[in-house]
């Protein structure tokens, strides 16, 4: 049951982060071409920016943690960026490499 819940969280997190990136790209495009963005979307933009920032922080943690777990930093950071905290949990649960 735990694996099913974690898998659903990873899928949902990936879809939401991709949506947030798309929304931010649309917002930037609108700013470049001078198109007006509906004012009612402002809270959604702040929410997606907070989510992206949180996932970037988690990716930074994954970069720092991954070498001690035998992972390459860039793939671990990308995976963690899209899956969020679940990616950090999976990385933490990997056995540590001994020096």
N, C-alpha and C. Protein backbone atom coordinates (compact mmCIF):
# COMPACT_ATOMS: atom_id res chain seq x y z
N UNK A 1 0.82 -1.20 0.00
CA UNK A 1 0.00 0.00 0.00
C UNK A 1 0.87 1.26 0.00
N UNK A 2 1.96 1.23 0.79
CA UNK A 2 2.86 2.38 0.86
C UNK A 2 3.48 2.66 -0.50
N UNK A 3 3.86 1.60 -1.23
CA UNK A 3 4.46 1.80 -2.54
C UNK A 3 3.48 2.42 -3.52
N UNK A 4 2.23 2.02 -3.44
CA UNK A 4 1.20 2.58 -4.31
C UNK A 4 1.01 4.07 -4.03
N UNK A 5 0.96 4.42 -2.76
CA UNK A 5 0.79 5.83 -2.38
C UNK A 5 1.98 6.65 -2.84
N UNK A 6 3.20 6.13 -2.63
CA UNK A 6 4.40 6.84 -3.07
C UNK A 6 4.42 7.00 -4.58
N UNK A 7 4.02 5.96 -5.31
CA UNK A 7 3.99 6.04 -6.77
C UNK A 7 2.98 7.09 -7.22
N UNK A 8 1.82 7.14 -6.58
CA UNK A 8 0.81 8.15 -6.94
C UNK A 8 1.30 9.57 -6.63
N UNK A 9 1.99 9.73 -5.51
CA UNK A 9 2.54 11.03 -5.16
C UNK A 9 3.58 11.46 -6.19
N UNK A 10 4.45 10.53 -6.61
CA UNK A 10 5.47 10.86 -7.60
C UNK A 10 4.84 11.25 -8.94
N UNK A 11 3.82 10.53 -9.36
CA UNK A 11 3.15 10.85 -10.62
C UNK A 11 2.47 12.20 -10.53
N UNK A 12 1.74 12.42 -9.45
CA UNK A 12 1.04 13.70 -9.27
C UNK A 12 2.02 14.86 -9.15
N UNK A 13 3.10 14.67 -8.43
CA UNK A 13 4.10 15.71 -8.27
C UNK A 13 4.73 16.07 -9.61
N UNK A 14 5.06 15.05 -10.40
CA UNK A 14 5.65 15.30 -11.71
C UNK A 14 4.70 16.07 -12.60
N UNK A 15 3.44 15.68 -12.61
CA UNK A 15 2.45 16.38 -13.44
C UNK A 15 2.26 17.83 -12.98
N UNK A 16 2.21 18.04 -11.68
CA UNK A 16 2.02 19.40 -11.16
C UNK A 16 3.24 20.29 -11.42
N UNK A 17 4.44 19.75 -11.29
CA UNK A 17 5.64 20.54 -11.56
C UNK A 17 5.74 20.87 -13.04
N UNK A 18 5.42 19.91 -13.89
CA UNK A 18 5.41 20.19 -15.33
C UNK A 18 4.37 21.27 -15.66
N UNK A 19 3.22 21.19 -15.02
CA UNK A 19 2.18 22.22 -15.22
C UNK A 19 2.67 23.58 -14.72
N UNK A 20 3.35 23.60 -13.58
CA UNK A 20 3.87 24.86 -13.04
C UNK A 20 4.92 25.45 -13.98
N UNK A 21 5.78 24.61 -14.54
CA UNK A 21 6.77 25.10 -15.49
C UNK A 21 6.10 25.65 -16.75
N UNK A 22 5.07 24.96 -17.22
CA UNK A 22 4.33 25.44 -18.37
C UNK A 22 3.63 26.75 -18.09
N UNK A 23 3.04 26.87 -16.93
CA UNK A 23 2.37 28.11 -16.54
C UNK A 23 3.36 29.27 -16.45
N UNK A 24 4.52 29.00 -15.90
CA UNK A 24 5.55 30.03 -15.80
C UNK A 24 6.06 30.42 -17.19
N UNK A 25 6.23 29.44 -18.07
CA UNK A 25 6.65 29.74 -19.44
C UNK A 25 5.61 30.59 -20.15
N UNK A 26 4.34 30.29 -19.95
CA UNK A 26 3.28 31.09 -20.54
C UNK A 26 3.31 32.52 -20.00
N UNK A 27 3.52 32.64 -18.70
CA UNK A 27 3.57 33.96 -18.07
C UNK A 27 4.74 34.78 -18.63
N UNK A 28 5.89 34.14 -18.79
CA UNK A 28 7.05 34.83 -19.36
C UNK A 28 6.81 35.21 -20.82
N UNK A 29 6.20 34.32 -21.58
CA UNK A 29 5.87 34.62 -22.97
C UNK A 29 4.92 35.80 -23.05
N UNK A 30 3.92 35.81 -22.19
CA UNK A 30 2.96 36.92 -22.18
C UNK A 30 3.66 38.24 -21.85
N UNK A 31 4.62 38.21 -20.96
CA UNK A 31 5.35 39.42 -20.61
C UNK A 31 6.21 39.91 -21.77
N UNK A 32 6.80 38.99 -22.51
CA UNK A 32 7.67 39.37 -23.62
C UNK A 32 6.87 39.99 -24.76
N UNK A 33 5.72 39.40 -25.08
CA UNK A 33 4.94 39.90 -26.22
C UNK A 33 3.94 40.97 -25.82
N UNK A 34 3.88 41.31 -24.56
CA UNK A 34 3.00 42.37 -24.10
C UNK A 34 1.55 41.94 -23.95
N UNK A 35 1.31 40.67 -23.80
CA UNK A 35 -0.04 40.15 -23.63
C UNK A 35 -0.45 40.27 -22.16
N UNK A 36 -1.69 40.60 -21.92
CA UNK A 36 -2.18 40.73 -20.55
C UNK A 36 -2.51 39.36 -19.97
N UNK A 37 -2.10 39.16 -18.73
CA UNK A 37 -2.41 37.93 -18.01
C UNK A 37 -3.56 38.24 -17.06
N UNK A 38 -4.56 37.37 -16.99
CA UNK A 38 -5.69 37.64 -16.09
C UNK A 38 -5.22 37.82 -14.64
N UNK A 39 -5.70 38.86 -14.01
CA UNK A 39 -5.30 39.17 -12.64
C UNK A 39 -5.73 38.10 -11.65
N UNK A 40 -6.78 37.37 -11.97
CA UNK A 40 -7.26 36.32 -11.08
C UNK A 40 -6.30 35.15 -10.96
N UNK A 41 -5.32 35.07 -11.85
CA UNK A 41 -4.35 33.98 -11.80
C UNK A 41 -3.14 34.29 -10.91
N UNK A 42 -3.07 35.48 -10.36
CA UNK A 42 -1.92 35.87 -9.55
C UNK A 42 -1.66 34.92 -8.38
N UNK A 43 -2.69 34.50 -7.61
CA UNK A 43 -2.41 33.54 -6.53
C UNK A 43 -1.87 32.21 -7.04
N UNK A 44 -2.32 31.78 -8.20
CA UNK A 44 -1.82 30.53 -8.77
C UNK A 44 -0.36 30.67 -9.17
N UNK A 45 0.00 31.83 -9.73
CA UNK A 45 1.40 32.06 -10.08
C UNK A 45 2.29 32.04 -8.85
N UNK A 46 1.85 32.64 -7.75
CA UNK A 46 2.64 32.63 -6.53
C UNK A 46 2.76 31.22 -5.96
N UNK A 47 1.70 30.45 -6.04
CA UNK A 47 1.73 29.07 -5.55
C UNK A 47 2.69 28.22 -6.38
N UNK A 48 2.62 28.35 -7.70
CA UNK A 48 3.52 27.55 -8.52
C UNK A 48 4.97 27.99 -8.36
N UNK A 49 5.20 29.27 -8.14
CA UNK A 49 6.58 29.72 -7.91
C UNK A 49 7.12 29.20 -6.58
N UNK A 50 6.28 29.15 -5.58
CA UNK A 50 6.69 28.58 -4.29
C UNK A 50 7.02 27.09 -4.46
N UNK A 51 6.18 26.37 -5.19
CA UNK A 51 6.41 24.93 -5.41
C UNK A 51 7.71 24.71 -6.18
N UNK A 52 7.95 25.50 -7.22
CA UNK A 52 9.19 25.36 -7.98
C UNK A 52 10.40 25.67 -7.10
N UNK A 53 10.31 26.71 -6.28
CA UNK A 53 11.41 27.06 -5.39
C UNK A 53 11.67 25.95 -4.38
N UNK A 54 10.62 25.38 -3.82
CA UNK A 54 10.78 24.28 -2.86
C UNK A 54 11.44 23.07 -3.53
N UNK A 55 11.02 22.77 -4.74
CA UNK A 55 11.61 21.63 -5.45
C UNK A 55 13.06 21.91 -5.83
N UNK A 56 13.40 23.16 -6.11
CA UNK A 56 14.80 23.50 -6.37
C UNK A 56 15.66 23.31 -5.13
N UNK A 57 15.13 23.68 -3.97
CA UNK A 57 15.86 23.46 -2.71
C UNK A 57 16.06 21.95 -2.49
N UNK A 58 15.03 21.17 -2.71
CA UNK A 58 15.14 19.72 -2.56
C UNK A 58 16.16 19.15 -3.55
N UNK A 59 16.22 19.70 -4.75
CA UNK A 59 17.22 19.26 -5.73
C UNK A 59 18.63 19.58 -5.25
N UNK A 60 18.80 20.73 -4.64
CA UNK A 60 20.10 21.08 -4.08
C UNK A 60 20.53 20.12 -2.99
N UNK A 61 19.59 19.71 -2.16
CA UNK A 61 19.88 18.73 -1.12
C UNK A 61 20.26 17.40 -1.76
N UNK A 62 19.57 17.03 -2.82
CA UNK A 62 19.88 15.78 -3.53
C UNK A 62 21.28 15.82 -4.13
N UNK A 63 21.68 16.98 -4.65
CA UNK A 63 23.04 17.11 -5.20
C UNK A 63 24.08 16.87 -4.11
N UNK A 64 23.83 17.40 -2.94
CA UNK A 64 24.78 17.24 -1.83
C UNK A 64 24.78 15.82 -1.28
N UNK A 65 23.64 15.16 -1.28
CA UNK A 65 23.50 13.84 -0.67
C UNK A 65 23.86 12.70 -1.61
N UNK A 66 23.69 12.89 -2.90
CA UNK A 66 23.81 11.79 -3.85
C UNK A 66 25.18 11.13 -3.94
N UNK A 67 26.30 11.85 -3.89
CA UNK A 67 27.58 11.14 -3.98
C UNK A 67 27.80 10.12 -2.86
N UNK A 68 27.33 10.43 -1.67
CA UNK A 68 27.51 9.48 -0.56
C UNK A 68 26.61 8.26 -0.71
N UNK A 69 25.66 8.32 -1.61
CA UNK A 69 24.74 7.19 -1.85
C UNK A 69 25.02 6.49 -3.17
N UNK A 70 26.14 6.84 -3.81
CA UNK A 70 26.52 6.18 -5.05
C UNK A 70 25.72 6.62 -6.26
N UNK A 71 25.17 7.80 -6.22
CA UNK A 71 24.37 8.33 -7.32
C UNK A 71 25.11 9.51 -7.96
N UNK A 72 24.87 9.71 -9.24
CA UNK A 72 25.40 10.90 -9.91
C UNK A 72 24.52 12.09 -9.51
N UNK A 73 25.10 13.23 -9.22
CA UNK A 73 24.33 14.38 -8.71
C UNK A 73 23.26 14.91 -9.66
N UNK A 74 23.56 15.04 -10.96
CA UNK A 74 22.60 15.67 -11.87
C UNK A 74 21.34 14.82 -12.05
N UNK A 75 21.44 13.52 -12.35
CA UNK A 75 20.20 12.73 -12.46
C UNK A 75 19.42 12.68 -11.14
N UNK A 76 20.15 12.60 -10.03
CA UNK A 76 19.47 12.57 -8.73
C UNK A 76 18.73 13.88 -8.49
N UNK A 77 19.35 15.01 -8.87
CA UNK A 77 18.71 16.31 -8.68
C UNK A 77 17.49 16.45 -9.58
N UNK A 78 17.60 16.02 -10.83
CA UNK A 78 16.45 16.10 -11.74
C UNK A 78 15.30 15.24 -11.25
N UNK A 79 15.61 14.03 -10.83
CA UNK A 79 14.57 13.13 -10.31
C UNK A 79 13.90 13.75 -9.09
N UNK A 80 14.71 14.30 -8.19
CA UNK A 80 14.16 14.91 -6.98
C UNK A 80 13.37 16.17 -7.31
N UNK A 81 13.81 16.93 -8.32
CA UNK A 81 13.06 18.13 -8.70
C UNK A 81 11.64 17.76 -9.12
N UNK A 82 11.50 16.70 -9.88
CA UNK A 82 10.17 16.34 -10.36
C UNK A 82 9.34 15.55 -9.35
N UNK A 83 9.98 14.76 -8.51
CA UNK A 83 9.22 13.95 -7.55
C UNK A 83 9.10 14.59 -6.18
N UNK A 84 9.93 15.59 -5.91
CA UNK A 84 9.83 16.29 -4.64
C UNK A 84 10.42 15.53 -3.48
N UNK A 85 9.79 15.65 -2.35
CA UNK A 85 10.29 15.08 -1.11
C UNK A 85 10.41 13.56 -1.18
N UNK A 86 9.56 12.93 -1.96
CA UNK A 86 9.62 11.47 -2.11
C UNK A 86 10.96 11.06 -2.71
N UNK A 87 11.48 11.84 -3.64
CA UNK A 87 12.79 11.55 -4.21
C UNK A 87 13.89 11.64 -3.17
N UNK A 88 13.79 12.60 -2.26
CA UNK A 88 14.77 12.70 -1.18
C UNK A 88 14.67 11.50 -0.23
N UNK A 89 13.46 11.07 0.05
CA UNK A 89 13.28 9.91 0.91
C UNK A 89 13.92 8.68 0.28
N UNK A 90 13.68 8.49 -1.02
CA UNK A 90 14.27 7.35 -1.71
C UNK A 90 15.80 7.43 -1.70
N UNK A 91 16.34 8.62 -1.89
CA UNK A 91 17.79 8.80 -1.88
C UNK A 91 18.34 8.53 -0.48
N UNK A 92 17.66 9.00 0.53
CA UNK A 92 18.10 8.78 1.91
C UNK A 92 18.08 7.30 2.28
N UNK A 93 17.12 6.57 1.75
CA UNK A 93 17.00 5.15 2.08
C UNK A 93 18.02 4.27 1.39
N UNK A 94 18.74 4.81 0.40
CA UNK A 94 19.79 4.04 -0.25
C UNK A 94 20.96 3.87 0.73
N UNK A 95 21.63 2.73 0.67
CA UNK A 95 22.76 2.54 1.61
C UNK A 95 23.91 3.49 1.33
N UNK A 96 24.55 3.93 2.39
CA UNK A 96 25.71 4.83 2.27
C UNK A 96 26.90 4.05 1.74
N UNK A 97 27.72 4.72 0.97
CA UNK A 97 28.97 4.12 0.52
C UNK A 97 30.00 4.30 1.62
N UNK A 98 30.85 3.33 1.80
CA UNK A 98 31.90 3.45 2.81
C UNK A 98 33.14 3.96 2.13
N UNK A 99 33.90 4.77 2.85
CA UNK A 99 35.15 5.34 2.28
C UNK A 99 36.27 4.38 2.36
